C-alpha atoms as a PDB file:
ATOM      1  CA  MET A   1      50.066   0.036  -3.040  1.00  0.00           C
ATOM      2  CA  THR A   2      50.672  -2.297  -5.986  1.00  0.00           C
ATOM      3  CA  SER A   3      47.966  -3.520  -8.358  1.00  0.00           C
ATOM      4  CA  SER A   4      48.126  -6.949  -6.713  1.00  0.00           C
ATOM      5  CA  ASP A   5      47.628  -5.357  -3.253  1.00  0.00           C
ATOM      6  CA  LEU A   6      44.646  -3.414  -4.599  1.00  0.00           C
ATOM      7  CA  SER A   7      43.165  -6.551  -6.103  1.00  0.00           C
ATOM      8  CA  SER A   8      43.665  -8.450  -2.843  1.00  0.00           C
ATOM      9  CA  SER A   9      42.050  -5.639  -0.800  1.00  0.00           C
ATOM     10  CA  SER A  10      39.089  -5.416  -3.196  1.00  0.00           C
ATOM     11  CA  SER A  11      38.654  -9.190  -3.137  1.00  0.00           C
ATOM     12  CA  SER A  12      38.686  -9.369   0.671  1.00  0.00           C
ATOM     13  CA  SER A  13      35.926  -6.746   0.984  1.00  0.00           C
ATOM     14  CA  LEU A  14      33.673  -8.594  -1.467  1.00  0.00           C
ATOM     15  CA  VAL A  15      30.906 -10.687   0.108  1.00  0.00           C
ATOM     16  CA  ARG A  16      28.933 -13.382  -1.697  1.00  0.00           C
ATOM     17  CA  LEU A  17      25.627 -14.271  -0.049  1.00  0.00           C
ATOM     18  CA  ASN A  18      23.198 -17.120  -0.607  1.00  0.00           C
ATOM     19  CA  ILE A  19      19.904 -16.030   0.989  1.00  0.00           C
ATOM     20  CA  GLY A  20      17.544 -18.999   0.862  1.00  0.00           C
ATOM     21  CA  GLY A  21      18.854 -20.008  -2.556  1.00  0.00           C
ATOM     22  CA  LYS A  22      19.081 -16.519  -4.088  1.00  0.00           C
ATOM     23  CA  LYS A  23      22.626 -15.295  -4.762  1.00  0.00           C
ATOM     24  CA  PHE A  24      23.805 -11.753  -4.008  1.00  0.00           C
ATOM     25  CA  CYS A  25      27.157 -10.017  -4.216  1.00  0.00           C
ATOM     26  CA  THR A  26      27.975  -6.929  -2.160  1.00  0.00           C
ATOM     27  CA  THR A  27      30.760  -5.484  -0.004  1.00  0.00           C
ATOM     28  CA  ARG A  28      31.593  -5.672   3.670  1.00  0.00           C
ATOM     29  CA  ASP A  29      31.236  -1.867   3.934  1.00  0.00           C
ATOM     30  CA  THR A  30      27.680  -1.989   2.553  1.00  0.00           C
ATOM     31  CA  LEU A  31      26.680  -4.591   5.134  1.00  0.00           C
ATOM     32  CA  THR A  32      28.231  -2.791   8.116  1.00  0.00           C
ATOM     33  CA  GLN A  33      28.166   0.986   7.709  1.00  0.00           C
ATOM     34  CA  ARG A  34      24.559   2.236   7.444  1.00  0.00           C
ATOM     35  CA  GLU A  35      23.145   0.043  10.239  1.00  0.00           C
ATOM     36  CA  PRO A  36      26.139  -0.710  12.509  1.00  0.00           C
ATOM     37  CA  ASP A  37      23.980  -2.297  15.226  1.00  0.00           C
ATOM     38  CA  SER A  38      22.252  -4.770  12.908  1.00  0.00           C
ATOM     39  CA  MET A  39      22.744  -8.515  12.751  1.00  0.00           C
ATOM     40  CA  LEU A  40      24.316  -8.157   9.302  1.00  0.00           C
ATOM     41  CA  ALA A  41      26.856  -5.656  10.631  1.00  0.00           C
ATOM     42  CA  ALA A  42      27.668  -8.015  13.503  1.00  0.00           C
ATOM     43  CA  MET A  43      28.121 -10.929  11.090  1.00  0.00           C
ATOM     44  CA  PHE A  44      30.550  -9.100   8.797  1.00  0.00           C
ATOM     45  CA  SER A  45      32.383  -6.700  11.117  1.00  0.00           C
ATOM     46  CA  GLY A  46      34.887  -9.370  12.103  1.00  0.00           C
ATOM     47  CA  ARG A  47      33.305  -9.945  15.518  1.00  0.00           C
ATOM     48  CA  HIS A  48      31.849 -13.282  14.402  1.00  0.00           C
ATOM     49  CA  THR A  49      33.104 -16.186  12.358  1.00  0.00           C
ATOM     50  CA  VAL A  50      31.006 -16.836   9.270  1.00  0.00           C
ATOM     51  CA  HIS A  51      31.044 -20.136   7.437  1.00  0.00           C
ATOM     52  CA  HIS A  52      31.414 -20.225   3.670  1.00  0.00           C
ATOM     53  CA  GLU A  53      29.881 -22.831   1.428  1.00  0.00           C
ATOM     54  CA  SER A  54      32.474 -25.031  -0.169  1.00  0.00           C
ATOM     55  CA  GLU A  55      31.339 -24.023  -3.661  1.00  0.00           C
ATOM     56  CA  LYS A  56      32.421 -20.520  -4.773  1.00  0.00           C
ATOM     57  CA  GLY A  57      32.662 -19.186  -1.216  1.00  0.00           C
ATOM     58  CA  PHE A  58      29.019 -18.113  -0.731  1.00  0.00           C
ATOM     59  CA  ILE A  59      27.811 -17.475   2.819  1.00  0.00           C
ATOM     60  CA  PHE A  60      24.455 -19.179   3.337  1.00  0.00           C
ATOM     61  CA  VAL A  61      21.674 -17.504   5.344  1.00  0.00           C
ATOM     62  CA  ASP A  62      18.533 -19.561   5.873  1.00  0.00           C
ATOM     63  CA  ARG A  63      15.984 -16.816   5.112  1.00  0.00           C
ATOM     64  CA  ASP A  64      13.613 -15.982   2.245  1.00  0.00           C
ATOM     65  CA  GLY A  65      15.679 -14.151  -0.365  1.00  0.00           C
ATOM     66  CA  LYS A  66      12.723 -12.565  -2.189  1.00  0.00           C
ATOM     67  CA  HIS A  67      13.057  -9.139  -0.572  1.00  0.00           C
ATOM     68  CA  PHE A  68      16.763  -9.157   0.263  1.00  0.00           C
ATOM     69  CA  ARG A  69      17.559  -6.916  -2.714  1.00  0.00           C
ATOM     70  CA  HIS A  70      15.459  -4.180  -1.061  1.00  0.00           C
ATOM     71  CA  ILE A  71      17.516  -4.610   2.093  1.00  0.00           C
ATOM     72  CA  LEU A  72      20.756  -4.289   0.102  1.00  0.00           C
ATOM     73  CA  ASN A  73      19.483  -1.199  -1.706  1.00  0.00           C
ATOM     74  CA  TRP A  74      18.585   0.369   1.636  1.00  0.00           C
ATOM     75  CA  LEU A  75      22.066  -0.377   2.969  1.00  0.00           C
ATOM     76  CA  ARG A  76      23.633   1.096  -0.165  1.00  0.00           C
ATOM     77  CA  ASP A  77      21.481   4.206  -0.693  1.00  0.00           C
ATOM     78  CA  GLY A  78      19.224   4.670   2.337  1.00  0.00           C
ATOM     79  CA  VAL A  79      16.106   4.569   0.148  1.00  0.00           C
ATOM     80  CA  VAL A  80      12.880   2.903   1.347  1.00  0.00           C
ATOM     81  CA  PRO A  81      11.491   0.811  -1.556  1.00  0.00           C
ATOM     82  CA  THR A  82       8.079   1.583  -3.050  1.00  0.00           C
ATOM     83  CA  LEU A  83       5.922  -1.526  -2.575  1.00  0.00           C
ATOM     84  CA  GLU A  84       2.345  -2.645  -2.036  1.00  0.00           C
ATOM     85  CA  ASP A  85       1.257  -2.661   1.627  1.00  0.00           C
ATOM     86  CA  SER A  86       1.149  -6.479   1.700  1.00  0.00           C
ATOM     87  CA  GLU A  87       4.730  -6.650   0.383  1.00  0.00           C
ATOM     88  CA  TYR A  88       5.867  -4.262   3.103  1.00  0.00           C
ATOM     89  CA  GLN A  89       4.569  -6.729   5.701  1.00  0.00           C
ATOM     90  CA  ASP A  90       6.713  -9.501   4.180  1.00  0.00           C
ATOM     91  CA  LEU A  91       9.720  -7.190   3.998  1.00  0.00           C
ATOM     92  CA  LEU A  92       9.244  -6.084   7.622  1.00  0.00           C
ATOM     93  CA  ARG A  93       9.577  -9.694   8.766  1.00  0.00           C
ATOM     94  CA  GLU A  94      13.016  -9.896   7.155  1.00  0.00           C
ATOM     95  CA  VAL A  95      13.980  -6.410   8.346  1.00  0.00           C
ATOM     96  CA  GLU A  96      13.173  -7.355  11.947  1.00  0.00           C
ATOM     97  CA  TYR A  97      15.166 -10.582  11.641  1.00  0.00           C
ATOM     98  CA  TYR A  98      18.239  -8.670  10.458  1.00  0.00           C
ATOM     99  CA  GLN A  99      17.590  -5.968  13.122  1.00  0.00           C
ATOM    100  CA  LEU A 100      17.632  -3.084  10.626  1.00  0.00           C
ATOM    101  CA  LEU A 101      16.018  -0.434  12.830  1.00  0.00           C
ATOM    102  CA  GLY A 102      16.450   2.430  10.356  1.00  0.00           C
ATOM    103  CA  LEU A 103      14.695   0.574   7.539  1.00  0.00           C
ATOM    104  CA  SER A 104      11.958  -0.588   9.911  1.00  0.00           C
ATOM    105  CA  GLU A 105      11.258   3.017  10.926  1.00  0.00           C
ATOM    106  CA  GLY A 106      11.275   4.116   7.278  1.00  0.00           C
ATOM    107  CA  ILE A 107       8.742   1.454   6.251  1.00  0.00           C
ATOM    108  CA  ASN A 108       6.434   2.224   9.172  1.00  0.00           C
ATOM    109  CA  ALA A 109       6.611   5.960   8.396  1.00  0.00           C
ATOM    110  CA  THR A 110       5.672   5.214   4.763  1.00  0.00           C
ATOM    111  CA  LEU A 111       2.705   3.057   5.823  1.00  0.00           C
ATOM    112  CA  CYS A 112       1.474   5.743   8.258  1.00  0.00           C
ATOM    113  CA  SER A 113       1.775   8.400   5.551  1.00  0.00           C
ATOM    114  CA  ARG A 114      -0.234   6.262   3.119  1.00  0.00           C
ATOM    115  CA  ARG A 115      -2.991   5.699   5.675  1.00  0.00           C
ATOM    116  CA  TYR A 116      -3.207   9.447   6.325  1.00  0.00           C
ATOM    117  CA  GLU A 117      -3.353  10.250   2.594  1.00  0.00           C
ATOM    118  CA  ASN A 118      -6.060   7.637   1.997  1.00  0.00           C
ATOM    119  CA  ASP A 119      -8.154   9.003   4.863  1.00  0.00           C
ATOM    120  CA  SER A 120      -7.808  12.605   3.722  1.00  0.00           C
ATOM    121  CA  LYS A 121      -8.490  11.828   0.052  1.00  0.00           C
ATOM    122  CA  ASP A 122     -11.379   9.440   0.554  1.00  0.00           C
ATOM    123  CA  ASP A 123     -14.102  11.260  -1.365  1.00  0.00           C
ATOM    124  CA  SER A 124     -16.037   8.089  -2.172  1.00  0.00           C
ATOM    125  CA  LYS A 125     -18.114   8.305   1.004  1.00  0.00           C
ATOM    126  CA  ALA A 126     -21.657   9.624   0.686  1.00  0.00           C
ATOM    127  CA  GLU A 127     -22.326  13.065   2.144  1.00  0.00           C
ATOM    128  CA  LEU A 128     -25.696  11.939   3.514  1.00  0.00           C
ATOM    129  CA  THR A 129     -27.130   8.788   5.105  1.00  0.00           C
ATOM    130  CA  ARG A 130     -30.335   6.917   4.274  1.00  0.00           C
ATOM    131  CA  THR A 131     -31.927   8.527   7.344  1.00  0.00           C
ATOM    132  CA  ASP A 132     -30.954  11.996   6.062  1.00  0.00           C
ATOM    133  CA  ILE A 133     -32.608  11.186   2.725  1.00  0.00           C
ATOM    134  CA  ILE A 134     -35.824  10.042   4.395  1.00  0.00           C
ATOM    135  CA  LYS A 135     -36.010  13.266   6.421  1.00  0.00           C
ATOM    136  CA  CYS A 136     -35.442  15.348   3.297  1.00  0.00           C
ATOM    137  CA  ILE A 137     -38.096  13.658   1.149  1.00  0.00           C
ATOM    138  CA  GLN A 138     -40.725  14.375   3.758  1.00  0.00           C
ATOM    139  CA  SER A 139     -40.523  18.031   2.729  1.00  0.00           C
ATOM    140  CA  ASP A 140     -41.594  19.565  -0.591  1.00  0.00           C
ATOM    141  CA  ARG A 141     -39.362  20.133  -3.640  1.00  0.00           C
ATOM    142  CA  VAL A 142     -36.458  17.925  -2.652  1.00  0.00           C
ATOM    143  CA  ARG A 143     -33.136  18.615  -4.375  1.00  0.00           C
ATOM    144  CA  PHE A 144     -29.898  16.681  -4.193  1.00  0.00           C
ATOM    145  CA  ARG A 145     -28.215  18.600  -7.016  1.00  0.00           C
ATOM    146  CA  GLY A 146     -24.477  17.895  -7.103  1.00  0.00           C
ATOM    147  CA  VAL A 147     -24.548  15.856  -3.867  1.00  0.00           C
ATOM    148  CA  ASN A 148     -22.396  12.736  -3.433  1.00  0.00           C
ATOM    149  CA  LEU A 149     -24.782   9.858  -2.584  1.00  0.00           C
ATOM    150  CA  SER A 150     -22.524   7.036  -3.761  1.00  0.00           C
ATOM    151  CA  GLY A 151     -23.061   3.624  -2.206  1.00  0.00           C
ATOM    152  CA  LEU A 152     -26.318   4.438  -0.378  1.00  0.00           C
ATOM    153  CA  ASN A 153     -29.229   2.010  -0.051  1.00  0.00           C
ATOM    154  CA  LEU A 154     -32.273   4.015  -1.213  1.00  0.00           C
ATOM    155  CA  SER A 155     -34.392   0.972  -2.036  1.00  0.00           C
ATOM    156  CA  LYS A 156     -38.190   1.208  -1.761  1.00  0.00           C
ATOM    157  CA  LEU A 157     -38.179   4.941  -0.937  1.00  0.00           C
ATOM    158  CA  ASP A 158     -40.612   7.400  -2.532  1.00  0.00           C
ATOM    159  CA  LEU A 159     -38.195   9.579  -4.472  1.00  0.00           C
ATOM    160  CA  SER A 160     -40.707  10.889  -6.973  1.00  0.00           C
ATOM    161  CA  LEU A 161     -40.017  14.442  -8.198  1.00  0.00           C
ATOM    162  CA  VAL A 162     -36.606  14.472  -6.467  1.00  0.00           C
ATOM    163  CA  ASP A 163     -33.951  16.449  -8.365  1.00  0.00           C
ATOM    164  CA  PHE A 164     -30.688  14.412  -8.541  1.00  0.00           C
ATOM    165  CA  SER A 165     -29.179  16.557 -11.312  1.00  0.00           C
ATOM    166  CA  HIS A 166     -25.346  16.576 -11.366  1.00  0.00           C
ATOM    167  CA  ALA A 167     -25.259  14.301  -8.289  1.00  0.00           C
ATOM    168  CA  CYS A 168     -22.959  11.305  -7.821  1.00  0.00           C
ATOM    169  CA  VAL A 169     -25.146   8.211  -7.452  1.00  0.00           C
ATOM    170  CA  LYS A 170     -22.498   5.566  -8.137  1.00  0.00           C
ATOM    171  CA  ASP A 171     -23.438   2.115  -6.791  1.00  0.00           C
ATOM    172  CA  VAL A 172     -26.665   3.435  -5.248  1.00  0.00           C
ATOM    173  CA  PHE A 173     -29.316   0.766  -4.589  1.00  0.00           C
ATOM    174  CA  PHE A 174     -32.574   2.189  -6.067  1.00  0.00           C
ATOM    175  CA  SER A 175     -34.272  -1.214  -6.245  1.00  0.00           C
ATOM    176  CA  GLY A 176     -38.066  -0.895  -5.804  1.00  0.00           C
ATOM    177  CA  ALA A 177     -37.879   2.884  -5.321  1.00  0.00           C
ATOM    178  CA  ASN A 178     -40.485   5.253  -6.757  1.00  0.00           C
ATOM    179  CA  LEU A 179     -38.500   7.509  -9.092  1.00  0.00           C
ATOM    180  CA  GLN A 180     -41.441   8.833 -11.095  1.00  0.00           C
ATOM    181  CA  CYS A 181     -40.590  12.277 -12.516  1.00  0.00           C
ATOM    182  CA  ALA A 182     -37.238  12.298 -10.700  1.00  0.00           C
ATOM    183  CA  LYS A 183     -34.535  14.308 -12.482  1.00  0.00           C
ATOM    184  CA  PHE A 184     -31.255  12.599 -13.325  1.00  0.00           C
ATOM    185  CA  ARG A 185     -29.669  15.175 -15.617  1.00  0.00           C
ATOM    186  CA  ASP A 186     -25.855  14.744 -15.904  1.00  0.00           C
ATOM    187  CA  VAL A 187     -25.588  12.322 -12.990  1.00  0.00           C
ATOM    188  CA  ASP A 188     -22.657   9.962 -12.397  1.00  0.00           C
ATOM    189  CA  GLY A 189     -24.523   6.703 -11.851  1.00  0.00           C
ATOM    190  CA  GLY A 190     -22.154   3.867 -12.688  1.00  0.00           C
ATOM    191  CA  GLY A 191     -23.005   0.595 -10.946  1.00  0.00           C
ATOM    192  CA  SER A 192     -26.394   1.737  -9.596  1.00  0.00           C
ATOM    193  CA  ASN A 193     -29.220  -0.805  -9.270  1.00  0.00           C
ATOM    194  CA  PHE A 194     -32.684   0.236 -10.570  1.00  0.00           C
ATOM    195  CA  HIS A 195     -34.271  -3.231 -10.366  1.00  0.00           C
ATOM    196  CA  ASN A 196     -38.101  -2.940 -10.052  1.00  0.00           C
ATOM    197  CA  ALA A 197     -37.841   0.850  -9.619  1.00  0.00           C
ATOM    198  CA  ASN A 198     -40.648   3.067 -10.987  1.00  0.00           C
ATOM    199  CA  LEU A 199     -38.903   5.100 -13.690  1.00  0.00           C
ATOM    200  CA  ARG A 200     -41.964   6.590 -15.395  1.00  0.00           C
ATOM    201  CA  GLU A 201     -41.546  10.058 -16.898  1.00  0.00           C
END
């Protein structure tokens, strides 16, 4: 094969795309090999006639080009991009249009994995409810040492003498509560509301 033949072959496999105004350059192999049943593969496998723009030979596709680079990277490397969940929803719309089943499955698997991780790592939930607290304070010498109570509404409760030492009381609503002689040694209490609470001693 001569250098001119090689140049001609390379040139014929090159594809210039205009996706909604954004310009991309790739190869016919990239568009057809990883997802052979996709719309892109059908467009560039020779089964269909594609129309080039008069200027510079770009093929125009009337879709949003914002996420098309992720589609090209998937077709090149088989890697699912790392995005925010909301961006994945936008990308999925384009993926479904181009009928890229492999990428669609990859994105959905990533989203499912994230949901599972968030559920299993969610340690921000309180270990007890307001009702549990009320039952506890009806007995003597109440202790919530080291307990996670974050986000609870404990307003207007009689919590006098209660030991909250080392507990997590982030964003707890103590408004109007009686906290006289309550112990708060080494607590994590960011964002808690003590409005009108009795904090004597």
